PDB file of N, CA and C in Angstrom:
ATOM      1  N   MET A   1      23.085  18.078   2.872  1.00  0.00           N
ATOM      2  CA  MET A   1      22.271  18.857   3.775  1.00  0.00           C
ATOM      3  C   MET A   1      21.057  18.006   4.167  1.00  0.00           C
ATOM      4  N   ALA A   2      20.806  17.920   5.457  1.00  0.00           N
ATOM      5  CA  ALA A   2      19.663  17.153   5.950  1.00  0.00           C
ATOM      6  C   ALA A   2      19.114  17.825   7.203  1.00  0.00           C
ATOM      7  N   GLU A   3      17.815  18.056   7.207  1.00  0.00           N
ATOM      8  CA  GLU A   3      17.152  18.639   8.376  1.00  0.00           C
ATOM      9  C   GLU A   3      15.973  17.768   8.775  1.00  0.00           C
ATOM     10  N   LEU A   4      15.864  17.516  10.066  1.00  0.00           N
ATOM     11  CA  LEU A   4      14.734  16.785  10.615  1.00  0.00           C
ATOM     12  C   LEU A   4      13.874  17.784  11.367  1.00  0.00           C
ATOM     13  N   ASN A   5      12.690  18.028  10.850  1.00  0.00           N
ATOM     14  CA  ASN A   5      11.771  19.015  11.425  1.00  0.00           C
ATOM     15  C   ASN A   5      12.393  20.403  11.513  1.00  0.00           C
ATOM     16  N   GLY A   6      13.239  20.754  10.545  1.00  0.00           N
ATOM     17  CA  GLY A   6      13.822  22.088  10.476  1.00  0.00           C
ATOM     18  C   GLY A   6      15.116  22.277  11.234  1.00  0.00           C
ATOM     19  N   VAL A   7      15.662  21.211  11.820  1.00  0.00           N
ATOM     20  CA  VAL A   7      16.914  21.275  12.576  1.00  0.00           C
ATOM     21  C   VAL A   7      17.885  20.280  11.947  1.00  0.00           C
ATOM     22  N   ALA A   8      19.174  20.634  11.920  1.00  0.00           N
ATOM     23  CA  ALA A   8      20.168  19.731  11.333  1.00  0.00           C
ATOM     24  C   ALA A   8      20.005  18.327  11.906  1.00  0.00           C
ATOM     25  N   ALA A   9      19.906  17.350  11.022  1.00  0.00           N
ATOM     26  CA  ALA A   9      19.695  15.962  11.436  1.00  0.00           C
ATOM     27  C   ALA A   9      21.017  15.313  11.819  1.00  0.00           C
ATOM     28  N   THR A  10      20.955  14.450  12.824  1.00  0.00           N
ATOM     29  CA  THR A  10      22.134  13.689  13.236  1.00  0.00           C
ATOM     30  C   THR A  10      22.046  12.283  12.650  1.00  0.00           C
ATOM     31  N   VAL A  11      23.167  11.606  12.613  1.00  0.00           N
ATOM     32  CA  VAL A  11      23.198  10.226  12.133  1.00  0.00           C
ATOM     33  C   VAL A  11      22.284   9.361  12.995  1.00  0.00           C
ATOM     34  N   GLU A  12      22.318   9.568  14.285  1.00  0.00           N
ATOM     35  CA  GLU A  12      21.488   8.777  15.197  1.00  0.00           C
ATOM     36  C   GLU A  12      20.001   8.922  14.856  1.00  0.00           C
ATOM     37  N   GLN A  13      19.573  10.135  14.501  1.00  0.00           N
ATOM     38  CA  GLN A  13      18.164  10.369  14.193  1.00  0.00           C
ATOM     39  C   GLN A  13      17.723   9.684  12.906  1.00  0.00           C
ATOM     40  N   VAL A  14      18.583   9.619  11.925  1.00  0.00           N
ATOM     41  CA  VAL A  14      18.188   9.036  10.646  1.00  0.00           C
ATOM     42  C   VAL A  14      18.599   7.562  10.507  1.00  0.00           C
ATOM     43  N   LYS A  15      19.301   7.047  11.497  1.00  0.00           N
ATOM     44  CA  LYS A  15      19.740   5.647  11.468  1.00  0.00           C
ATOM     45  C   LYS A  15      18.558   4.697  11.309  1.00  0.00           C
ATOM     46  N   THR A  16      17.477   4.954  12.018  1.00  0.00           N
ATOM     47  CA  THR A  16      16.303   4.090  11.946  1.00  0.00           C
ATOM     48  C   THR A  16      15.775   4.007  10.518  1.00  0.00           C
ATOM     49  N   LEU A  17      15.768   5.126   9.817  1.00  0.00           N
ATOM     50  CA  LEU A  17      15.285   5.129   8.439  1.00  0.00           C
ATOM     51  C   LEU A  17      16.133   4.201   7.573  1.00  0.00           C
ATOM     52  N   GLY A  18      17.436   4.275   7.748  1.00  0.00           N
ATOM     53  CA  GLY A  18      18.326   3.424   6.972  1.00  0.00           C
ATOM     54  C   GLY A  18      18.195   1.947   7.330  1.00  0.00           C
ATOM     55  N   LEU A  19      17.909   1.666   8.584  1.00  0.00           N
ATOM     56  CA  LEU A  19      17.833   0.271   9.032  1.00  0.00           C
ATOM     57  C   LEU A  19      16.468  -0.364   8.797  1.00  0.00           C
ATOM     58  N   THR A  20      15.401   0.416   8.929  1.00  0.00           N
ATOM     59  CA  THR A  20      14.066  -0.153   8.767  1.00  0.00           C
ATOM     60  C   THR A  20      13.442   0.180   7.422  1.00  0.00           C
ATOM     61  N   ASN A  21      13.828   1.316   6.848  1.00  0.00           N
ATOM     62  CA  ASN A  21      13.296   1.754   5.556  1.00  0.00           C
ATOM     63  C   ASN A  21      11.776   1.780   5.568  1.00  0.00           C
ATOM     64  N   TYR A  22      11.194   2.269   6.670  1.00  0.00           N
ATOM     65  CA  TYR A  22       9.743   2.328   6.809  1.00  0.00           C
ATOM     66  C   TYR A  22       9.306   3.779   6.843  1.00  0.00           C
ATOM     67  N   GLY A  23       8.667   4.207   5.786  1.00  0.00           N
ATOM     68  CA  GLY A  23       8.202   5.582   5.663  1.00  0.00           C
ATOM     69  C   GLY A  23       7.788   5.821   4.225  1.00  0.00           C
ATOM     70  N   HIS A  24       7.684   7.073   3.840  1.00  0.00           N
ATOM     71  CA  HIS A  24       7.352   7.403   2.460  1.00  0.00           C
ATOM     72  C   HIS A  24       8.005   8.724   2.115  1.00  0.00           C
ATOM     73  N   PHE A  25       8.158   9.015   0.813  1.00  0.00           N
ATOM     74  CA  PHE A  25       8.906  10.198   0.401  1.00  0.00           C
ATOM     75  C   PHE A  25       8.447  10.707  -0.952  1.00  0.00           C
ATOM     76  N   THR A  26       8.938  11.894  -1.287  1.00  0.00           N
ATOM     77  CA  THR A  26       8.770  12.469  -2.617  1.00  0.00           C
ATOM     78  C   THR A  26       9.977  13.342  -2.911  1.00  0.00           C
ATOM     79  N   PHE A  27      10.218  13.627  -4.187  1.00  0.00           N
ATOM     80  CA  PHE A  27      11.303  14.504  -4.623  1.00  0.00           C
ATOM     81  C   PHE A  27      10.721  15.743  -5.282  1.00  0.00           C
ATOM     82  N   VAL A  28      11.348  16.890  -5.068  1.00  0.00           N
ATOM     83  CA  VAL A  28      11.015  18.105  -5.824  1.00  0.00           C
ATOM     84  C   VAL A  28      12.317  18.788  -6.209  1.00  0.00           C
ATOM     85  N   GLU A  29      12.300  19.491  -7.353  1.00  0.00           N
ATOM     86  CA  GLU A  29      13.511  20.183  -7.792  1.00  0.00           C
ATOM     87  C   GLU A  29      13.540  21.635  -7.370  1.00  0.00           C
ATOM     88  N   ASP A  30      12.405  22.278  -7.271  1.00  0.00           N
ATOM     89  CA  ASP A  30      12.344  23.634  -6.736  1.00  0.00           C
ATOM     90  C   ASP A  30      10.895  23.931  -6.383  1.00  0.00           C
ATOM     91  N   GLU A  31      10.663  25.047  -5.694  1.00  0.00           N
ATOM     92  CA  GLU A  31       9.309  25.309  -5.216  1.00  0.00           C
ATOM     93  C   GLU A  31       8.341  25.645  -6.338  1.00  0.00           C
ATOM     94  N   GLN A  32       8.838  25.913  -7.535  1.00  0.00           N
ATOM     95  CA  GLN A  32       7.976  26.212  -8.657  1.00  0.00           C
ATOM     96  C   GLN A  32       7.658  24.962  -9.482  1.00  0.00           C
ATOM     97  N   VAL A  33       8.078  23.796  -8.988  1.00  0.00           N
ATOM     98  CA  VAL A  33       7.872  22.560  -9.737  1.00  0.00           C
ATOM     99  C   VAL A  33       6.384  22.375 -10.035  1.00  0.00           C
ATOM    100  N   ARG A  34       6.120  21.974 -11.250  1.00  0.00           N
ATOM    101  CA  ARG A  34       4.725  21.708 -11.613  1.00  0.00           C
ATOM    102  C   ARG A  34       4.214  20.555 -10.769  1.00  0.00           C
ATOM    103  N   GLY A  35       3.015  20.704 -10.280  1.00  0.00           N
ATOM    104  CA  GLY A  35       2.419  19.626  -9.514  1.00  0.00           C
ATOM    105  C   GLY A  35       2.879  19.543  -8.067  1.00  0.00           C
ATOM    106  N   LEU A  36       3.503  20.612  -7.534  1.00  0.00           N
ATOM    107  CA  LEU A  36       3.941  20.571  -6.135  1.00  0.00           C
ATOM    108  C   LEU A  36       2.778  20.230  -5.224  1.00  0.00           C
ATOM    109  N   SER A  37       1.613  20.786  -5.502  1.00  0.00           N
ATOM    110  CA  SER A  37       0.460  20.491  -4.646  1.00  0.00           C
ATOM    111  C   SER A  37       0.111  19.004  -4.704  1.00  0.00           C
ATOM    112  N   LEU A  38       0.355  18.364  -5.846  1.00  0.00           N
ATOM    113  CA  LEU A  38       0.104  16.918  -5.947  1.00  0.00           C
ATOM    114  C   LEU A  38       1.096  16.126  -5.105  1.00  0.00           C
ATOM    115  N   HIS A  39       2.352  16.581  -5.074  1.00  0.00           N
ATOM    116  CA  HIS A  39       3.349  15.937  -4.207  1.00  0.00           C
ATOM    117  C   HIS A  39       2.903  16.050  -2.748  1.00  0.00           C
ATOM    118  N   LEU A  40       2.462  17.253  -2.362  1.00  0.00           N
ATOM    119  CA  LEU A  40       2.030  17.469  -0.979  1.00  0.00           C
ATOM    120  C   LEU A  40       0.787  16.657  -0.659  1.00  0.00           C
ATOM    121  N   ASP A  41      -0.159  16.613  -1.597  1.00  0.00           N
ATOM    122  CA  ASP A  41      -1.366  15.799  -1.393  1.00  0.00           C
ATOM    123  C   ASP A  41      -0.992  14.339  -1.145  1.00  0.00           C
ATOM    124  N   ARG A  42      -0.047  13.834  -1.932  1.00  0.00           N
ATOM    125  CA  ARG A  42       0.364  12.445  -1.793  1.00  0.00           C
ATOM    126  C   ARG A  42       1.038  12.194  -0.446  1.00  0.00           C
ATOM    127  N   LEU A  43       1.888  13.139  -0.004  1.00  0.00           N
ATOM    128  CA  LEU A  43       2.528  12.983   1.301  1.00  0.00           C
ATOM    129  C   LEU A  43       1.492  12.930   2.420  1.00  0.00           C
ATOM    130  N   VAL A  44       0.504  13.808   2.343  1.00  0.00           N
ATOM    131  CA  VAL A  44      -0.550  13.838   3.366  1.00  0.00           C
ATOM    132  C   VAL A  44      -1.350  12.537   3.340  1.00  0.00           C
ATOM    133  N   ARG A  45      -1.745  12.112   2.140  1.00  0.00           N
ATOM    134  CA  ARG A  45      -2.526  10.871   2.007  1.00  0.00           C
ATOM    135  C   ARG A  45      -1.733   9.662   2.501  1.00  0.00           C
ATOM    136  N   ASP A  46      -0.465   9.576   2.089  1.00  0.00           N
ATOM    137  CA  ASP A  46       0.343   8.421   2.469  1.00  0.00           C
ATOM    138  C   ASP A  46       0.650   8.410   3.963  1.00  0.00           C
ATOM    139  N   CYS A  47       0.781   9.569   4.563  1.00  0.00           N
ATOM    140  CA  CYS A  47       1.011   9.627   6.010  1.00  0.00           C
ATOM    141  C   CYS A  47      -0.189   9.038   6.753  1.00  0.00           C
ATOM    142  N   ARG A  48      -1.358   9.350   6.261  1.00  0.00           N
ATOM    143  CA  ARG A  48      -2.578   8.804   6.871  1.00  0.00           C
ATOM    144  C   ARG A  48      -2.605   7.286   6.691  1.00  0.00           C
ATOM    145  N   GLN A  49      -2.234   6.805   5.503  1.00  0.00           N
ATOM    146  CA  GLN A  49      -2.286   5.368   5.223  1.00  0.00           C
ATOM    147  C   GLN A  49      -1.189   4.589   5.945  1.00  0.00           C
ATOM    148  N   VAL A  50       0.033   5.131   5.959  1.00  0.00           N
ATOM    149  CA  VAL A  50       1.166   4.405   6.536  1.00  0.00           C
ATOM    150  C   VAL A  50       1.194   4.513   8.056  1.00  0.00           C
ATOM    151  N   PHE A  51       0.937   5.724   8.577  1.00  0.00           N
ATOM    152  CA  PHE A  51       1.095   5.956  10.016  1.00  0.00           C
ATOM    153  C   PHE A  51      -0.214   6.230  10.755  1.00  0.00           C
ATOM    154  N   ASP A  52      -1.331   6.309  10.019  1.00  0.00           N
ATOM    155  CA  ASP A  52      -2.618   6.674  10.626  1.00  0.00           C
ATOM    156  C   ASP A  52      -2.483   7.990  11.394  1.00  0.00           C
ATOM    157  N   ALA A  53      -1.812   8.957  10.732  1.00  0.00           N
ATOM    158  CA  ALA A  53      -1.562  10.259  11.365  1.00  0.00           C
ATOM    159  C   ALA A  53      -1.708  11.354  10.321  1.00  0.00           C
ATOM    160  N   ASP A  54      -2.026  12.548  10.798  1.00  0.00           N
ATOM    161  CA  ASP A  54      -2.126  13.712   9.916  1.00  0.00           C
ATOM    162  C   ASP A  54      -0.752  14.304   9.672  1.00  0.00           C
ATOM    163  N   LEU A  55      -0.572  14.910   8.497  1.00  0.00           N
ATOM    164  CA  LEU A  55       0.654  15.606   8.146  1.00  0.00           C
ATOM    165  C   LEU A  55       0.276  17.015   7.720  1.00  0.00           C
ATOM    166  N   ASP A  56       0.953  17.999   8.286  1.00  0.00           N
ATOM    167  CA  ASP A  56       0.682  19.404   7.988  1.00  0.00           C
ATOM    168  C   ASP A  56       1.384  19.792   6.685  1.00  0.00           C
ATOM    169  N   ARG A  57       0.613  19.882   5.597  1.00  0.00           N
ATOM    170  CA  ARG A  57       1.194  20.176   4.289  1.00  0.00           C
ATOM    171  C   ARG A  57       1.882  21.533   4.250  1.00  0.00           C
ATOM    172  N   GLU A  58       1.383  22.519   4.979  1.00  0.00           N
ATOM    173  CA  GLU A  58       2.027  23.840   4.989  1.00  0.00           C
ATOM    174  C   GLU A  58       3.361  23.793   5.733  1.00  0.00           C
ATOM    175  N   ARG A  59       3.469  22.940   6.734  1.00  0.00           N
ATOM    176  CA  ARG A  59       4.749  22.749   7.436  1.00  0.00           C
ATOM    177  C   ARG A  59       5.771  22.123   6.479  1.00  0.00           C
ATOM    178  N   VAL A  60       5.334  21.150   5.712  1.00  0.00           N
ATOM    179  CA  VAL A  60       6.224  20.526   4.728  1.00  0.00           C
ATOM    180  C   VAL A  60       6.677  21.578   3.714  1.00  0.00           C
ATOM    181  N   ARG A  61       5.756  22.377   3.189  1.00  0.00           N
ATOM    182  CA  ARG A  61       6.096  23.429   2.225  1.00  0.00           C
ATOM    183  C   ARG A  61       7.119  24.399   2.832  1.00  0.00           C
ATOM    184  N   TYR A  62       6.901  24.781   4.083  1.00  0.00           N
ATOM    185  CA  TYR A  62       7.822  25.687   4.769  1.00  0.00           C
ATOM    186  C   TYR A  62       9.224  25.075   4.880  1.00  0.00           C
ATOM    187  N   LEU A  63       9.297  23.804   5.273  1.00  0.00           N
ATOM    188  CA  LEU A  63      10.600  23.148   5.441  1.00  0.00           C
ATOM    189  C   LEU A  63      11.336  23.000   4.108  1.00  0.00           C
ATOM    190  N   VAL A  64      10.611  22.738   3.034  1.00  0.00           N
ATOM    191  CA  VAL A  64      11.236  22.662   1.708  1.00  0.00           C
ATOM    192  C   VAL A  64      11.762  24.036   1.310  1.00  0.00           C
ATOM    193  N   ARG A  65      10.972  25.068   1.523  1.00  0.00           N
ATOM    194  CA  ARG A  65      11.408  26.432   1.172  1.00  0.00           C
ATOM    195  C   ARG A  65      12.643  26.854   1.962  1.00  0.00           C
ATOM    196  N   ARG A  66      12.744  26.414   3.220  1.00  0.00           N
ATOM    197  CA  ARG A  66      13.941  26.725   4.033  1.00  0.00           C
ATOM    198  C   ARG A  66      15.195  26.190   3.365  1.00  0.00           C
ATOM    199  N   ILE A  67      15.121  24.941   2.926  1.00  0.00           N
ATOM    200  CA  ILE A  67      16.272  24.320   2.268  1.00  0.00           C
ATOM    201  C   ILE A  67      16.589  25.046   0.967  1.00  0.00           C
ATOM    202  N   LEU A  68      15.571  25.334   0.176  1.00  0.00           N
ATOM    203  CA  LEU A  68      15.788  26.002  -1.106  1.00  0.00           C
ATOM    204  C   LEU A  68      16.408  27.386  -0.927  1.00  0.00           C
ATOM    205  N   ALA A  69      16.049  28.071   0.152  1.00  0.00           N
ATOM    206  CA  ALA A  69      16.563  29.420   0.398  1.00  0.00           C
ATOM    207  C   ALA A  69      18.026  29.416   0.820  1.00  0.00           C
ATOM    208  N   GLU A  70      18.521  28.290   1.307  1.00  0.00           N
ATOM    209  CA  GLU A  70      19.893  28.225   1.814  1.00  0.00           C
ATOM    210  C   GLU A  70      20.947  28.060   0.730  1.00  0.00           C
ATOM    211  N   VAL A  71      20.525  27.716  -0.464  1.00  0.00           N
ATOM    212  CA  VAL A  71      21.489  27.497  -1.543  1.00  0.00           C
ATOM    213  C   VAL A  71      21.083  28.286  -2.776  1.00  0.00           C
ATOM    214  N   ASN A  72      22.063  28.660  -3.576  1.00  0.00           N
ATOM    215  CA  ASN A  72      21.725  29.333  -4.826  1.00  0.00           C
ATOM    216  C   ASN A  72      22.321  28.564  -6.004  1.00  0.00           C
ATOM    217  N   GLN A  73      22.030  27.301  -6.014  1.00  0.00           N
ATOM    218  CA  GLN A  73      22.354  26.447  -7.149  1.00  0.00           C
ATOM    219  C   GLN A  73      21.193  25.478  -7.290  1.00  0.00           C
ATOM    220  N   PRO A  74      20.998  24.917  -8.447  1.00  0.00           N
ATOM    221  CA  PRO A  74      19.906  23.953  -8.599  1.00  0.00           C
ATOM    222  C   PRO A  74      20.127  22.732  -7.697  1.00  0.00           C
ATOM    223  N   ILE A  75      19.103  22.378  -6.948  1.00  0.00           N
ATOM    224  CA  ILE A  75      19.187  21.216  -6.070  1.00  0.00           C
ATOM    225  C   ILE A  75      17.941  20.352  -6.221  1.00  0.00           C
ATOM    226  N   ILE A  76      18.072  19.133  -5.789  1.00  0.00           N
ATOM    227  CA  ILE A  76      16.934  18.223  -5.704  1.00  0.00           C
ATOM    228  C   ILE A  76      16.668  18.000  -4.227  1.00  0.00           C
ATOM    229  N   VAL A  77      15.430  18.211  -3.838  1.00  0.00           N
ATOM    230  CA  VAL A  77      15.032  18.077  -2.440  1.00  0.00           C
ATOM    231  C   VAL A  77      14.195  16.810  -2.291  1.00  0.00           C
ATOM    232  N   ARG A  78      14.530  16.033  -1.292  1.00  0.00           N
ATOM    233  CA  ARG A  78      13.750  14.834  -0.972  1.00  0.00           C
ATOM    234  C   ARG A  78      13.084  15.064   0.372  1.00  0.00           C
ATOM    235  N   VAL A  79      11.792  14.833   0.434  1.00  0.00           N
ATOM    236  CA  VAL A  79      11.029  14.921   1.673  1.00  0.00           C
ATOM    237  C   VAL A  79      10.648  13.506   2.066  1.00  0.00           C
ATOM    238  N   THR A  80      11.121  13.076   3.236  1.00  0.00           N
ATOM    239  CA  THR A  80      10.835  11.736   3.738  1.00  0.00           C
ATOM    240  C   THR A  80      10.058  11.860   5.039  1.00  0.00           C
ATOM    241  N   VAL A  81       8.973  11.121   5.135  1.00  0.00           N
ATOM    242  CA  VAL A  81       8.176  11.102   6.355  1.00  0.00           C
ATOM    243  C   VAL A  81       8.385   9.734   7.000  1.00  0.00           C
ATOM    244  N   PHE A  82       8.896   9.739   8.233  1.00  0.00           N
ATOM    245  CA  PHE A  82       9.169   8.494   8.949  1.00  0.00           C
ATOM    246  C   PHE A  82       9.150   8.777  10.439  1.00  0.00           C
ATOM    247  N   ASP A  83       9.173   7.728  11.238  1.00  0.00           N
ATOM    248  CA  ASP A  83       9.217   7.873  12.695  1.00  0.00           C
ATOM    249  C   ASP A  83      10.538   7.292  13.198  1.00  0.00           C
ATOM    250  N   PRO A  84      11.471   8.141  13.661  1.00  0.00           N
ATOM    251  CA  PRO A  84      12.765   7.644  14.124  1.00  0.00           C
ATOM    252  C   PRO A  84      12.668   6.695  15.315  1.00  0.00           C
ATOM    253  N   ALA A  85      11.561   6.739  16.052  1.00  0.00           N
ATOM    254  CA  ALA A  85      11.416   5.892  17.241  1.00  0.00           C
ATOM    255  C   ALA A  85      10.716   4.569  16.937  1.00  0.00           C
ATOM    256  N   LEU A  86      10.243   4.386  15.713  1.00  0.00           N
ATOM    257  CA  LEU A  86       9.511   3.176  15.373  1.00  0.00           C
ATOM    258  C   LEU A  86      10.458   1.985  15.305  1.00  0.00           C
ATOM    259  N   GLU A  87      10.097   0.911  15.987  1.00  0.00           N
ATOM    260  CA  GLU A  87      10.933  -0.287  16.006  1.00  0.00           C
ATOM    261  C   GLU A  87      10.566  -1.196  14.841  1.00  0.00           C
ATOM    262  N   LEU A  88      11.552  -1.819  14.254  1.00  0.00           N
ATOM    263  CA  LEU A  88      11.348  -2.698  13.110  1.00  0.00           C
ATOM    264  C   LEU A  88      10.354  -3.814  13.418  1.00  0.00           C
ATOM    265  N   GLY A  89      10.400  -4.342  14.626  1.00  0.00           N
ATOM    266  CA  GLY A  89       9.516  -5.441  14.996  1.00  0.00           C
ATOM    267  C   GLY A  89       8.083  -5.027  15.258  1.00  0.00           C
ATOM    268  N   HIS A  90       7.812  -3.711  15.288  1.00  0.00           N
ATOM    269  CA  HIS A  90       6.464  -3.226  15.598  1.00  0.00           C
ATOM    270  C   HIS A  90       6.046  -2.102  14.642  1.00  0.00           C
ATOM    271  N   PRO A  91       6.030  -2.342  13.329  1.00  0.00           N
ATOM    272  CA  PRO A  91       5.690  -1.258  12.404  1.00  0.00           C
ATOM    273  C   PRO A  91       4.252  -0.765  12.543  1.00  0.00           C
ATOM    274  N   GLY A  92       3.379  -1.553  13.148  1.00  0.00           N
ATOM    275  CA  GLY A  92       1.995  -1.138  13.326  1.00  0.00           C
ATOM    276  C   GLY A  92       1.747  -0.357  14.606  1.00  0.00           C
ATOM    277  N   ALA A  93       2.797  -0.128  15.398  1.00  0.00           N
ATOM    278  CA  ALA A  93       2.641   0.602  16.663  1.00  0.00           C
ATOM    279  C   ALA A  93       2.284   2.057  16.388  1.00  0.00           C
ATOM    280  N   ASP A  94       1.774   2.728  17.410  1.00  0.00           N
ATOM    281  CA  ASP A  94       1.482   4.155  17.268  1.00  0.00           C
ATOM    282  C   ASP A  94       2.751   4.875  16.844  1.00  0.00           C
ATOM    283  N   ALA A  95       2.612   5.765  15.876  1.00  0.00           N
ATOM    284  CA  ALA A  95       3.776   6.456  15.328  1.00  0.00           C
ATOM    285  C   ALA A  95       3.616   7.960  15.436  1.00  0.00           C
ATOM    286  N   THR A  96       4.741   8.629  15.515  1.00  0.00           N
ATOM    287  CA  THR A  96       4.792  10.088  15.484  1.00  0.00           C
ATOM    288  C   THR A  96       5.682  10.460  14.301  1.00  0.00           C
ATOM    289  N   PRO A  97       5.078  10.596  13.111  1.00  0.00           N
ATOM    290  CA  PRO A  97       5.882  10.852  11.919  1.00  0.00           C
ATOM    291  C   PRO A  97       6.641  12.171  12.002  1.00  0.00           C
ATOM    292  N   GLN A  98       7.852  12.143  11.494  1.00  0.00           N
ATOM    293  CA  GLN A  98       8.730  13.311  11.450  1.00  0.00           C
ATOM    294  C   GLN A  98       9.024  13.627   9.981  1.00  0.00           C
ATOM    295  N   ILE A  99       9.481  14.846   9.727  1.00  0.00           N
ATOM    296  CA  ILE A  99       9.736  15.283   8.354  1.00  0.00           C
ATOM    297  C   ILE A  99      11.234  15.494   8.165  1.00  0.00           C
ATOM    298  N   LEU A 100      11.824  14.652   7.344  1.00  0.00           N
ATOM    299  CA  LEU A 100      13.237  14.758   6.998  1.00  0.00           C
ATOM    300  C   LEU A 100      13.327  15.374   5.608  1.00  0.00           C
ATOM    301  N   VAL A 101      14.039  16.498   5.499  1.00  0.00           N
ATOM    302  CA  VAL A 101      14.237  17.159   4.209  1.00  0.00           C
ATOM    303  C   VAL A 101      15.725  17.125   3.903  1.00  0.00           C
ATOM    304  N   THR A 102      16.063  16.493   2.788  1.00  0.00           N
ATOM    305  CA  THR A 102      17.460  16.406   2.373  1.00  0.00           C
ATOM    306  C   THR A 102      17.609  17.049   1.003  1.00  0.00           C
ATOM    307  N   ALA A 103      18.824  17.493   0.705  1.00  0.00           N
ATOM    308  CA  ALA A 103      19.079  18.148  -0.576  1.00  0.00           C
ATOM    309  C   ALA A 103      20.407  17.683  -1.141  1.00  0.00           C
ATOM    310  N   ARG A 104      20.454  17.634  -2.446  1.00  0.00           N
ATOM    311  CA  ARG A 104      21.705  17.336  -3.146  1.00  0.00           C
ATOM    312  C   ARG A 104      21.713  18.159  -4.422  1.00  0.00           C
ATOM    313  N   PRO A 105      22.881  18.432  -4.955  1.00  0.00           N
ATOM    314  CA  PRO A 105      22.955  19.219  -6.188  1.00  0.00           C
ATOM    315  C   PRO A 105      22.247  18.511  -7.339  1.00  0.00           C
ATOM    316  N   ALA A 106      21.567  19.297  -8.142  1.00  0.00           N
ATOM    317  CA  ALA A 106      20.950  18.761  -9.358  1.00  0.00           C
ATOM    318  C   ALA A 106      22.005  18.690 -10.450  1.00  0.00           C
ATOM    319  N   ALA A 107      21.786  17.844 -11.414  1.00  0.00           N
ATOM    320  CA  ALA A 107      22.708  17.753 -12.542  1.00  0.00           C
ATOM    321  C   ALA A 107      22.762  19.103 -13.243  1.00  0.00           C
ATOM    322  N   GLN A 108      23.960  19.570 -13.546  1.00  0.00           N
ATOM    323  CA  GLN A 108      24.125  20.881 -14.172  1.00  0.00           C
ATOM    324  C   GLN A 108      23.840  20.858 -15.663  1.00  0.00           C
ATOM    325  N   THR A 109      24.118  19.760 -16.304  1.00  0.00           N
ATOM    326  CA  THR A 109      23.870  19.657 -17.739  1.00  0.00           C
ATOM    327  C   THR A 109      23.161  18.349 -18.020  1.00  0.00           C
ATOM    328  N   PRO A 110      22.339  18.337 -19.036  1.00  0.00           N
ATOM    329  CA  PRO A 110      21.670  17.076 -19.362  1.00  0.00           C
ATOM    330  C   PRO A 110      22.689  16.034 -19.803  1.00  0.00           C
ATOM    331  N   MET A 111      22.388  14.788 -19.495  1.00  0.00           N
ATOM    332  CA  MET A 111      23.259  13.708 -19.935  1.00  0.00           C
ATOM    333  C   MET A 111      23.185  13.582 -21.444  1.00  0.00           C
ATOM    334  N   SER A 112      24.297  13.238 -22.047  1.00  0.00           N
ATOM    335  CA  SER A 112      24.279  12.974 -23.481  1.00  0.00           C
ATOM    336  C   SER A 112      23.611  11.623 -23.709  1.00  0.00           C
ATOM    337  N   GLY A 113      23.231  11.380 -24.946  1.00  0.00           N
ATOM    338  CA  GLY A 113      22.598  10.117 -25.280  1.00  0.00           C
ATOM    339  C   GLY A 113      23.523   8.948 -24.995  1.00  0.00           C
ATOM    340  N   LEU A 114      22.954   7.837 -24.635  1.00  0.00           N
ATOM    341  CA  LEU A 114      23.743   6.643 -24.354  1.00  0.00           C
ATOM    342  C   LEU A 114      23.785   5.759 -25.600  1.00  0.00           C
ATOM    343  N   ARG A 115      24.928   5.135 -25.842  1.00  0.00           N
ATOM    344  CA  ARG A 115      25.082   4.230 -26.980  1.00  0.00           C
ATOM    345  C   ARG A 115      25.675   2.926 -26.491  1.00  0.00           C
ATOM    346  N   LEU A 116      25.371   1.883 -27.200  1.00  0.00           N
ATOM    347  CA  LEU A 116      25.986   0.598 -26.919  1.00  0.00           C
ATOM    348  C   LEU A 116      27.438   0.640 -27.369  1.00  0.00           C
ATOM    349  N   LEU A 117      28.308   0.005 -26.607  1.00  0.00           N
ATOM    350  CA  LEU A 117      29.704  -0.090 -27.032  1.00  0.00           C
ATOM    351  C   LEU A 117      29.800  -1.154 -28.119  1.00  0.00           C
ATOM    352  N   GLY A 118      30.450  -0.813 -29.179  1.00  0.00           N
ATOM    353  CA  GLY A 118      30.607  -1.775 -30.273  1.00  0.00           C
ATOM    354  C   GLY A 118      29.382  -1.791 -31.166  1.00  0.00           C
ATOM    355  N   GLU A 119      29.440  -2.584 -32.167  1.00  0.00           N
ATOM    356  CA  GLU A 119      28.352  -2.688 -33.137  1.00  0.00           C
ATOM    357  C   GLU A 119      27.540  -3.934 -32.878  1.00  0.00           C
ATOM    358  N   LEU A 120      26.258  -3.850 -33.094  1.00  0.00           N
ATOM    359  CA  LEU A 120      25.417  -5.043 -33.053  1.00  0.00           C
ATOM    360  C   LEU A 120      25.370  -5.597 -34.461  1.00  0.00           C
ATOM    361  N   SER A 121      25.697  -6.840 -34.621  1.00  0.00           N
ATOM    362  CA  SER A 121      25.661  -7.434 -35.955  1.00  0.00           C
ATOM    363  C   SER A 121      24.641  -8.545 -35.999  1.00  0.00           C
ATOM    364  N   ALA A 122      24.084  -8.726 -37.173  1.00  0.00           N
ATOM    365  CA  ALA A 122      23.064  -9.766 -37.337  1.00  0.00           C
ATOM    366  C   ALA A 122      23.673 -11.078 -37.723  1.00  0.00           C
TER     367      ALA A 122
END
């Protein structure tokens, strides 16, 4: 599931992100996550630093809640702020940051402990 500014994202819209990898992001597991306001603060601060633009934290919160409301299983939500129109050769150009919200299922059970295969001998 992927939405760009609240609308289903197309491959063409997110292609720039994959090719230039210029933007910033955060992950949340649900809207009750501890420190959600810190995640939002960081997104707002980083948007100012990376794009010299303001980011509406309440809009981001709304878009995350939309995704969370669409599923009734544990998911991990990633919020990525990037400009699909930004050219790789001009990262310092004026930007219009967009909000990409993606979701994937969260792990259902904790991983068991990991062990080395075989014995370590001295």
